[in-house]
Amino acid sequence: LRPLRWPCLSQKSLKSCKIFKDFCDKQGQRRGLSNRALCAGALLLAIKLEKLPCTFRDVAEASGENQKKIKNSHNLIRETLNPRLGDLTEASSFVDRYGDRLGLPYAALQACKAVRKKAVESVFTGSKQPTTVVAACLYFVCQERPELRQKTLTEVVEATGVGDNTILGCYRGDLLPHRDE
């Protein structure tokens, strides 16, 4: 794997090696997945166990492996080692990461976290991906605060990696109707 952007991952790579070894000991046959995909899946699981914000796209970019193969190996490792891991990454950690990329002030990040929390608690975001909800919440906060209105949808798309129509769909369909809540 190529070095990732986060300096704290050198410790996580040891954890991912242990996850990979445990998986190989328990599973034996790997069902046609390459070692590179399994290593990337193990690394992603180690990162998520530490509750660091990381996406399949980040690991795919670092490993040079296909996202679909990484997702398959990640799911296989999770099923084999511990089927009850649940949701491993806090979506609010993506708020900080994407907010830094956008250059948002601390108050805006806190407002975005509050909007995201309200959206998830009220269940009106349904089964949307956490990154989609965070991206829509960032866009929502940028539209609601006059000092942040210069942040465009294109900037939010570039910072989050979520498609513009996906963000707008969540923003218009899920967040905007509940603006007063």
Protein backbone atom coordinates (compact mmCIF):
# COMPACT_ATOMS: atom_id res chain seq x y z
CA LEU A 1 0.00 0.00 0.00
CA ARG A 2 1.17 3.50 -0.72
CA PRO A 3 1.49 5.79 2.31
CA LEU A 4 -1.80 7.42 3.28
CA ARG A 5 -2.25 11.07 4.12
CA TRP A 6 -2.68 10.56 7.85
CA PRO A 7 0.53 10.34 9.91
CA CYS A 8 -1.23 8.41 12.71
CA LEU A 9 -1.81 5.41 10.42
CA SER A 10 1.54 3.76 11.04
CA GLN A 11 0.07 2.34 14.26
CA LYS A 12 -3.14 1.36 12.44
CA SER A 13 -1.17 -0.59 9.86
CA LEU A 14 -0.03 -2.94 12.65
CA LYS A 15 -3.64 -3.40 13.66
CA SER A 16 -4.64 -4.02 10.05
CA CYS A 17 -1.89 -6.68 9.77
CA LYS A 18 -3.33 -8.42 12.83
CA ILE A 19 -6.86 -8.22 11.35
CA PHE A 20 -5.55 -9.65 8.05
CA LYS A 21 -3.72 -12.49 9.87
CA ASP A 22 -6.76 -13.31 12.03
CA PHE A 23 -8.94 -13.37 8.94
CA CYS A 24 -6.56 -15.68 7.05
CA ASP A 25 -6.30 -18.00 10.06
CA LYS A 26 -10.06 -18.19 10.43
CA GLN A 27 -11.16 -18.10 6.79
CA GLY A 28 -8.50 -20.08 4.99
CA GLN A 29 -9.72 -19.81 1.39
CA ARG A 30 -10.21 -16.24 0.21
CA ARG A 31 -12.93 -16.62 -2.43
CA GLY A 32 -11.03 -15.06 -5.31
CA LEU A 33 -10.09 -11.78 -3.64
CA SER A 34 -6.53 -10.57 -4.07
CA ASN A 35 -4.19 -10.08 -1.14
CA ARG A 36 -4.01 -6.38 -2.02
CA ALA A 37 -7.81 -6.02 -1.74
CA LEU A 38 -7.84 -7.97 1.53
CA CYS A 39 -5.02 -5.83 2.95
CA ALA A 40 -6.88 -2.68 1.93
CA GLY A 41 -10.09 -4.02 3.49
CA ALA A 42 -8.22 -4.87 6.70
CA LEU A 43 -6.67 -1.40 6.77
CA LEU A 44 -10.06 0.22 6.29
CA LEU A 45 -11.49 -1.88 9.12
CA ALA A 46 -8.59 -0.91 11.40
CA ILE A 47 -9.13 2.76 10.59
CA LYS A 48 -12.86 2.51 11.25
CA LEU A 49 -12.28 0.66 14.52
CA GLU A 50 -10.25 3.67 15.62
CA LYS A 51 -13.20 5.87 14.56
CA LEU A 52 -11.14 7.87 12.10
CA PRO A 53 -12.96 9.41 9.14
CA CYS A 54 -12.00 7.40 6.09
CA THR A 55 -13.91 6.31 3.02
CA PHE A 56 -13.55 3.44 0.58
CA ARG A 57 -12.40 6.01 -1.96
CA ASP A 58 -9.52 7.13 0.29
CA VAL A 59 -8.24 3.58 0.76
CA ALA A 60 -8.75 2.77 -2.92
CA GLU A 61 -6.72 5.82 -3.87
CA ALA A 62 -3.92 4.84 -1.49
CA SER A 63 -3.86 1.16 -2.37
CA GLY A 64 -4.45 1.38 -6.10
CA GLU A 65 -7.19 -1.24 -5.73
CA ASN A 66 -10.76 -1.12 -7.03
CA GLN A 67 -13.34 0.28 -4.55
CA LYS A 68 -15.71 -2.61 -5.20
CA LYS A 69 -13.03 -5.19 -4.36
CA ILE A 70 -12.10 -3.30 -1.20
CA LYS A 71 -15.75 -3.13 -0.14
CA ASN A 72 -16.22 -6.86 -0.79
CA SER A 73 -13.10 -7.76 1.17
CA HIS A 74 -14.01 -5.34 3.98
CA ASN A 75 -17.48 -6.89 4.28
CA LEU A 76 -16.06 -10.41 4.15
CA ILE A 77 -13.55 -9.62 6.90
CA ARG A 78 -16.26 -8.03 9.06
CA GLU A 79 -18.57 -11.03 8.60
CA THR A 80 -15.80 -13.50 9.35
CA LEU A 81 -14.26 -11.84 12.39
CA ASN A 82 -17.14 -10.09 14.12
CA PRO A 83 -20.61 -9.72 12.61
CA ARG A 84 -21.78 -7.30 15.34
CA LEU A 85 -19.45 -4.37 14.82
CA GLY A 86 -22.27 -1.98 13.89
CA ASP A 87 -21.64 1.49 12.51
CA LEU A 88 -17.95 2.08 13.11
CA THR A 89 -17.36 5.67 12.08
CA GLU A 90 -18.98 8.69 13.61
CA ALA A 91 -20.38 10.83 10.83
CA SER A 92 -19.57 13.95 12.84
CA SER A 93 -15.86 13.25 12.27
CA PHE A 94 -16.51 13.80 8.55
CA VAL A 95 -17.87 17.26 9.43
CA ASP A 96 -14.48 18.31 10.79
CA ARG A 97 -12.60 16.81 7.88
CA TYR A 98 -14.77 18.30 5.15
CA GLY A 99 -15.20 21.58 7.01
CA ASP A 100 -11.42 21.99 7.15
CA ARG A 101 -11.23 21.42 3.41
CA LEU A 102 -13.85 24.14 2.92
CA GLY A 103 -12.15 26.49 5.35
CA LEU A 104 -15.24 26.88 7.54
CA PRO A 105 -14.98 28.59 10.94
CA TYR A 106 -15.48 26.64 14.17
CA ALA A 107 -18.98 28.07 14.75
CA ALA A 108 -20.11 26.85 11.33
CA LEU A 109 -18.74 23.37 12.04
CA GLN A 110 -20.65 23.25 15.32
CA ALA A 111 -23.82 24.39 13.54
CA CYS A 112 -23.32 21.67 10.93
CA LYS A 113 -22.87 19.02 13.64
CA ALA A 114 -26.09 20.18 15.28
CA VAL A 115 -27.98 20.03 11.97
CA ARG A 116 -26.59 16.56 11.25
CA LYS A 117 -27.50 15.32 14.73
CA LYS A 118 -31.03 16.68 14.40
CA ALA A 119 -31.37 15.13 10.94
CA VAL A 120 -30.24 11.70 12.14
CA GLU A 121 -32.34 11.81 15.34
CA SER A 122 -35.46 12.88 13.47
CA VAL A 123 -34.95 10.06 10.96
CA PHE A 124 -35.92 12.26 8.03
CA THR A 125 -32.61 11.51 6.29
CA GLY A 126 -33.64 7.87 6.04
CA SER A 127 -31.01 5.42 4.95
CA LYS A 128 -28.73 7.94 3.26
CA GLN A 129 -24.97 7.49 3.47
CA PRO A 130 -23.32 9.44 6.33
CA THR A 131 -21.09 11.31 3.89
CA THR A 132 -24.15 12.39 1.90
CA VAL A 133 -25.90 13.70 5.01
CA VAL A 134 -22.74 15.53 6.13
CA ALA A 135 -22.27 17.09 2.69
CA ALA A 136 -25.90 18.23 2.61
CA CYS A 137 -25.60 19.63 6.14
CA LEU A 138 -22.47 21.56 5.18
CA TYR A 139 -24.24 22.99 2.16
CA PHE A 140 -27.28 23.79 4.32
CA VAL A 141 -25.17 25.70 6.85
CA CYS A 142 -23.35 27.54 4.05
CA GLN A 143 -26.70 28.63 2.59
CA GLU A 144 -28.18 29.68 5.94
CA ARG A 145 -25.25 31.78 7.16
CA PRO A 146 -24.76 35.05 5.27
CA GLU A 147 -20.99 35.10 5.82
CA LEU A 148 -20.67 31.67 4.19
CA ARG A 149 -22.91 32.18 1.17
CA GLN A 150 -19.88 32.56 -1.08
CA LYS A 151 -19.28 28.80 -0.66
CA THR A 152 -20.76 27.22 -3.75
CA LEU A 153 -22.16 23.77 -4.30
CA THR A 154 -19.13 23.03 -6.48
CA GLU A 155 -16.79 23.76 -3.56
CA VAL A 156 -18.79 21.44 -1.29
CA VAL A 157 -18.69 18.73 -3.98
CA GLU A 158 -14.91 19.08 -4.32
CA ALA A 159 -14.37 19.02 -0.54
CA THR A 160 -16.61 16.01 0.13
CA GLY A 161 -16.45 13.93 -3.02
CA VAL A 162 -20.24 13.55 -3.00
CA GLY A 163 -22.10 14.28 -6.24
CA ASP A 164 -23.90 17.59 -6.67
CA ASN A 165 -27.27 16.02 -7.44
CA THR A 166 -26.91 13.76 -4.40
CA ILE A 167 -26.20 16.75 -2.15
CA LEU A 168 -29.05 18.78 -3.64
CA GLY A 169 -31.45 15.85 -3.30
CA CYS A 170 -30.70 15.43 0.39
CA TYR A 171 -30.66 19.21 0.94
CA ARG A 172 -33.95 19.91 -0.84
CA GLY A 173 -35.78 16.73 0.03
CA ASP A 174 -34.64 16.10 3.59
CA LEU A 175 -33.14 19.20 5.20
CA LEU A 176 -34.94 22.17 3.68
CA PRO A 177 -38.50 21.03 4.54
CA HIS A 178 -37.44 20.68 8.21
CA ARG A 179 -35.56 23.98 8.34
CA ASP A 180 -37.66 25.40 11.19
CA GLU A 181 -37.25 22.40 13.47
